[in-house]
Amino acid sequence: MVGEKNTKLLEKTLLLEECMNAYKYAVETVQKNSLLMDEMAASCAEVCREAAEECLTLGERENDRVYLMCLEYVRLCEELESSQRFPQQKDMKKSV
């Protein structure tokens, strides 16, 4: 049974790493002012949401720390996405 517990922990760790990498890449695209920054932020949130759901399929509860950290990455990605929308709206107002 100990081996199964370690395997689940490793799987969850890899899911959390996937969230971290998605967020890191989305932040990099925003910092570079890439044309893809909106899509990357949205994709980041989707990747992290799927990782969180996969944590639950591993038999974990909704109060599992890795699950909650994946959800926190979802929130960060969504904040990144919304922060990119508002500056564009301000630029639109200036041009009118």
N, C-alpha and C. Protein backbone atom coordinates (compact mmCIF):
# COMPACT_ATOMS: atom_id res chain seq x y z
N MET A 1 0.81 -1.20 0.00
CA MET A 1 0.00 0.00 0.00
C MET A 1 0.86 1.26 0.00
N VAL A 2 2.03 1.20 0.61
CA VAL A 2 2.90 2.37 0.66
C VAL A 2 3.31 2.79 -0.74
N GLY A 3 3.59 1.83 -1.61
CA GLY A 3 3.97 2.14 -2.99
C GLY A 3 2.88 2.88 -3.73
N GLU A 4 1.63 2.49 -3.51
CA GLU A 4 0.49 3.16 -4.17
C GLU A 4 0.37 4.61 -3.70
N LYS A 5 0.58 4.83 -2.41
CA LYS A 5 0.49 6.18 -1.87
C LYS A 5 1.59 7.06 -2.47
N ASN A 6 2.80 6.52 -2.59
CA ASN A 6 3.90 7.27 -3.18
C ASN A 6 3.65 7.55 -4.66
N THR A 7 3.05 6.61 -5.36
CA THR A 7 2.74 6.79 -6.78
C THR A 7 1.72 7.92 -6.96
N LYS A 8 0.70 7.95 -6.10
CA LYS A 8 -0.30 9.01 -6.17
C LYS A 8 0.32 10.37 -5.87
N LEU A 9 1.19 10.40 -4.88
CA LEU A 9 1.86 11.65 -4.54
C LEU A 9 2.71 12.14 -5.71
N LEU A 10 3.41 11.24 -6.36
CA LEU A 10 4.22 11.61 -7.52
C LEU A 10 3.33 12.13 -8.65
N GLU A 11 2.22 11.46 -8.89
CA GLU A 11 1.29 11.90 -9.93
C GLU A 11 0.75 13.30 -9.63
N LYS A 12 0.38 13.54 -8.38
CA LYS A 12 -0.13 14.85 -8.00
C LYS A 12 0.96 15.92 -8.11
N THR A 13 2.18 15.55 -7.76
CA THR A 13 3.30 16.49 -7.87
C THR A 13 3.52 16.87 -9.32
N LEU A 14 3.41 15.92 -10.21
CA LEU A 14 3.56 16.20 -11.64
C LEU A 14 2.43 17.09 -12.15
N LEU A 15 1.23 16.91 -11.64
CA LEU A 15 0.11 17.76 -12.02
C LEU A 15 0.34 19.20 -11.55
N LEU A 16 0.85 19.33 -10.34
CA LEU A 16 1.13 20.67 -9.81
C LEU A 16 2.25 21.33 -10.61
N GLU A 17 3.24 20.55 -11.00
CA GLU A 17 4.33 21.08 -11.83
C GLU A 17 3.80 21.55 -13.18
N GLU A 18 2.84 20.82 -13.71
CA GLU A 18 2.21 21.21 -14.98
C GLU A 18 1.52 22.57 -14.84
N CYS A 19 0.86 22.79 -13.71
CA CYS A 19 0.22 24.08 -13.45
C CYS A 19 1.26 25.19 -13.37
N MET A 20 2.32 24.92 -12.63
CA MET A 20 3.37 25.92 -12.47
C MET A 20 3.97 26.30 -13.83
N ASN A 21 4.25 25.30 -14.65
CA ASN A 21 4.84 25.56 -15.97
C ASN A 21 3.88 26.33 -16.87
N ALA A 22 2.60 25.99 -16.81
CA ALA A 22 1.62 26.71 -17.62
C ALA A 22 1.54 28.17 -17.20
N TYR A 23 1.54 28.41 -15.90
CA TYR A 23 1.47 29.78 -15.40
C TYR A 23 2.74 30.55 -15.75
N LYS A 24 3.86 29.91 -15.58
CA LYS A 24 5.15 30.55 -15.89
C LYS A 24 5.19 30.97 -17.36
N TYR A 25 4.75 30.08 -18.24
CA TYR A 25 4.77 30.39 -19.67
C TYR A 25 3.79 31.51 -20.00
N ALA A 26 2.62 31.49 -19.37
CA ALA A 26 1.63 32.56 -19.61
C ALA A 26 2.19 33.91 -19.15
N VAL A 27 2.86 33.93 -18.01
CA VAL A 27 3.46 35.18 -17.52
C VAL A 27 4.53 35.67 -18.49
N GLU A 28 5.33 34.75 -19.00
CA GLU A 28 6.37 35.13 -19.95
C GLU A 28 5.78 35.76 -21.21
N THR A 29 4.67 35.22 -21.70
CA THR A 29 4.06 35.80 -22.90
C THR A 29 3.51 37.20 -22.62
N VAL A 30 3.00 37.41 -21.41
CA VAL A 30 2.51 38.74 -21.04
C VAL A 30 3.69 39.71 -20.93
N GLN A 31 4.76 39.27 -20.29
CA GLN A 31 5.93 40.13 -20.13
C GLN A 31 6.51 40.55 -21.48
N LYS A 32 6.42 39.67 -22.46
CA LYS A 32 6.94 39.96 -23.79
C LYS A 32 5.91 40.68 -24.65
N ASN A 33 4.75 40.94 -24.07
CA ASN A 33 3.66 41.60 -24.78
C ASN A 33 3.31 40.87 -26.08
N SER A 34 3.30 39.57 -26.01
CA SER A 34 3.03 38.72 -27.16
C SER A 34 1.58 38.86 -27.60
N LEU A 35 1.35 38.68 -28.87
CA LEU A 35 -0.02 38.71 -29.40
C LEU A 35 -0.84 37.54 -28.87
N LEU A 36 -0.17 36.52 -28.37
CA LEU A 36 -0.85 35.33 -27.87
C LEU A 36 -1.12 35.36 -26.38
N MET A 37 -0.86 36.49 -25.72
CA MET A 37 -0.95 36.51 -24.26
C MET A 37 -2.35 36.21 -23.74
N ASP A 38 -3.39 36.67 -24.40
CA ASP A 38 -4.75 36.37 -23.93
C ASP A 38 -5.05 34.87 -24.03
N GLU A 39 -4.65 34.28 -25.16
CA GLU A 39 -4.88 32.85 -25.36
C GLU A 39 -4.07 32.02 -24.38
N MET A 40 -2.85 32.46 -24.09
CA MET A 40 -2.00 31.71 -23.16
C MET A 40 -2.56 31.76 -21.75
N ALA A 41 -3.07 32.90 -21.34
CA ALA A 41 -3.65 33.00 -20.00
C ALA A 41 -4.89 32.12 -19.88
N ALA A 42 -5.72 32.11 -20.92
CA ALA A 42 -6.92 31.27 -20.92
C ALA A 42 -6.52 29.79 -20.92
N SER A 43 -5.52 29.46 -21.71
CA SER A 43 -5.04 28.08 -21.78
C SER A 43 -4.45 27.65 -20.45
N CYS A 44 -3.76 28.55 -19.79
CA CYS A 44 -3.18 28.28 -18.47
C CYS A 44 -4.28 27.89 -17.48
N ALA A 45 -5.35 28.66 -17.45
CA ALA A 45 -6.45 28.37 -16.54
C ALA A 45 -7.06 27.01 -16.85
N GLU A 46 -7.19 26.69 -18.13
CA GLU A 46 -7.78 25.41 -18.52
C GLU A 46 -6.88 24.24 -18.10
N VAL A 47 -5.58 24.37 -18.34
CA VAL A 47 -4.63 23.32 -17.95
C VAL A 47 -4.68 23.08 -16.45
N CYS A 48 -4.71 24.14 -15.68
CA CYS A 48 -4.71 24.02 -14.22
C CYS A 48 -6.04 23.47 -13.70
N ARG A 49 -7.13 23.85 -14.33
CA ARG A 49 -8.44 23.32 -13.95
C ARG A 49 -8.49 21.81 -14.19
N GLU A 50 -7.97 21.38 -15.34
CA GLU A 50 -7.95 19.94 -15.64
C GLU A 50 -7.03 19.19 -14.68
N ALA A 51 -5.92 19.81 -14.31
CA ALA A 51 -5.01 19.17 -13.35
C ALA A 51 -5.70 19.01 -11.99
N ALA A 52 -6.43 20.03 -11.57
CA ALA A 52 -7.16 19.95 -10.30
C ALA A 52 -8.19 18.82 -10.35
N GLU A 53 -8.91 18.73 -11.45
CA GLU A 53 -9.90 17.66 -11.59
C GLU A 53 -9.24 16.29 -11.58
N GLU A 54 -8.06 16.21 -12.19
CA GLU A 54 -7.35 14.93 -12.20
C GLU A 54 -6.89 14.54 -10.80
N CYS A 55 -6.55 15.53 -9.98
CA CYS A 55 -6.20 15.24 -8.58
C CYS A 55 -7.36 14.53 -7.88
N LEU A 56 -8.56 14.99 -8.17
CA LEU A 56 -9.74 14.37 -7.54
C LEU A 56 -9.95 12.94 -8.03
N THR A 57 -9.57 12.65 -9.27
CA THR A 57 -9.73 11.28 -9.79
C THR A 57 -8.74 10.32 -9.14
N LEU A 58 -7.72 10.87 -8.50
CA LEU A 58 -6.74 10.03 -7.81
C LEU A 58 -7.25 9.63 -6.42
N GLY A 59 -8.53 9.92 -6.16
CA GLY A 59 -9.13 9.53 -4.90
C GLY A 59 -8.92 10.54 -3.80
N GLU A 60 -8.51 11.73 -4.16
CA GLU A 60 -8.28 12.75 -3.15
C GLU A 60 -9.56 13.51 -2.86
N ARG A 61 -9.57 14.16 -1.72
CA ARG A 61 -10.73 14.94 -1.32
C ARG A 61 -10.56 16.38 -1.77
N GLU A 62 -11.63 17.13 -1.72
CA GLU A 62 -11.60 18.53 -2.16
C GLU A 62 -10.78 19.42 -1.24
N ASN A 63 -10.37 18.93 -0.09
CA ASN A 63 -9.51 19.73 0.79
C ASN A 63 -8.05 19.30 0.67
N ASP A 64 -7.73 18.47 -0.33
CA ASP A 64 -6.36 18.05 -0.59
C ASP A 64 -5.51 19.26 -0.96
N ARG A 65 -4.33 19.35 -0.38
CA ARG A 65 -3.48 20.53 -0.60
C ARG A 65 -3.06 20.71 -2.05
N VAL A 66 -2.72 19.63 -2.74
CA VAL A 66 -2.30 19.76 -4.13
C VAL A 66 -3.48 20.20 -4.99
N TYR A 67 -4.64 19.64 -4.74
CA TYR A 67 -5.85 20.06 -5.46
C TYR A 67 -6.09 21.55 -5.26
N LEU A 68 -5.98 22.01 -4.02
CA LEU A 68 -6.20 23.43 -3.72
C LEU A 68 -5.13 24.31 -4.36
N MET A 69 -3.90 23.83 -4.43
CA MET A 69 -2.84 24.61 -5.09
C MET A 69 -3.09 24.71 -6.59
N CYS A 70 -3.59 23.63 -7.19
CA CYS A 70 -3.95 23.69 -8.62
C CYS A 70 -5.06 24.72 -8.84
N LEU A 71 -6.04 24.73 -7.94
CA LEU A 71 -7.11 25.73 -8.05
C LEU A 71 -6.58 27.15 -7.87
N GLU A 72 -5.57 27.31 -7.03
CA GLU A 72 -4.95 28.63 -6.85
C GLU A 72 -4.28 29.07 -8.16
N TYR A 73 -3.64 28.14 -8.84
CA TYR A 73 -3.07 28.47 -10.15
C TYR A 73 -4.16 28.85 -11.15
N VAL A 74 -5.31 28.21 -11.08
CA VAL A 74 -6.43 28.59 -11.94
C VAL A 74 -6.78 30.05 -11.68
N ARG A 75 -6.88 30.41 -10.42
CA ARG A 75 -7.20 31.79 -10.05
C ARG A 75 -6.14 32.76 -10.56
N LEU A 76 -4.89 32.41 -10.40
CA LEU A 76 -3.81 33.28 -10.88
C LEU A 76 -3.86 33.46 -12.39
N CYS A 77 -4.13 32.38 -13.10
CA CYS A 77 -4.22 32.46 -14.57
C CYS A 77 -5.40 33.33 -14.99
N GLU A 78 -6.52 33.18 -14.28
CA GLU A 78 -7.69 34.00 -14.60
C GLU A 78 -7.41 35.47 -14.30
N GLU A 79 -6.71 35.75 -13.22
CA GLU A 79 -6.34 37.14 -12.91
C GLU A 79 -5.42 37.70 -13.98
N LEU A 80 -4.49 36.89 -14.45
CA LEU A 80 -3.58 37.31 -15.50
C LEU A 80 -4.36 37.63 -16.77
N GLU A 81 -5.32 36.77 -17.08
CA GLU A 81 -6.15 36.98 -18.27
C GLU A 81 -6.97 38.26 -18.14
N SER A 82 -7.60 38.48 -16.99
CA SER A 82 -8.45 39.66 -16.84
C SER A 82 -7.62 40.94 -16.77
N SER A 83 -6.41 40.86 -16.23
CA SER A 83 -5.57 42.05 -16.17
C SER A 83 -5.13 42.49 -17.56
N GLN A 84 -5.10 41.57 -18.49
CA GLN A 84 -4.73 41.92 -19.86
C GLN A 84 -5.90 42.52 -20.63
N ARG A 85 -7.10 42.23 -20.21
CA ARG A 85 -8.28 42.77 -20.89
C ARG A 85 -8.48 44.25 -20.56
N PHE A 86 -8.28 44.60 -19.30
CA PHE A 86 -8.54 45.98 -18.89
C PHE A 86 -7.62 47.00 -19.54
N PRO A 87 -6.31 46.76 -19.65
CA PRO A 87 -5.47 47.75 -20.33
C PRO A 87 -5.88 47.95 -21.79
N GLN A 88 -6.31 46.91 -22.45
CA GLN A 88 -6.74 47.03 -23.83
C GLN A 88 -8.00 47.87 -23.93
N GLN A 89 -8.90 47.73 -22.97
CA GLN A 89 -10.12 48.52 -22.98
C GLN A 89 -9.79 49.98 -22.75
N LYS A 90 -8.83 50.29 -21.89
CA LYS A 90 -8.43 51.66 -21.65
C LYS A 90 -7.84 52.26 -22.93
N ASP A 91 -7.02 51.47 -23.64
CA ASP A 91 -6.44 51.95 -24.90
C ASP A 91 -7.52 52.25 -25.92
N MET A 92 -8.56 51.45 -25.92
CA MET A 92 -9.66 51.66 -26.88
C MET A 92 -10.37 52.98 -26.57
N LYS A 93 -10.57 53.26 -25.28
CA LYS A 93 -11.24 54.50 -24.89
C LYS A 93 -10.42 55.72 -25.30
N LYS A 94 -9.11 55.64 -25.20
CA LYS A 94 -8.24 56.74 -25.55
C LYS A 94 -8.31 57.03 -27.04
N SER A 95 -8.49 56.00 -27.84
CA SER A 95 -8.48 56.21 -29.28
C SER A 95 -9.80 56.75 -29.81
N VAL A 96 -10.84 56.70 -29.00
CA VAL A 96 -12.17 57.15 -29.46
C VAL A 96 -12.32 58.62 -29.36
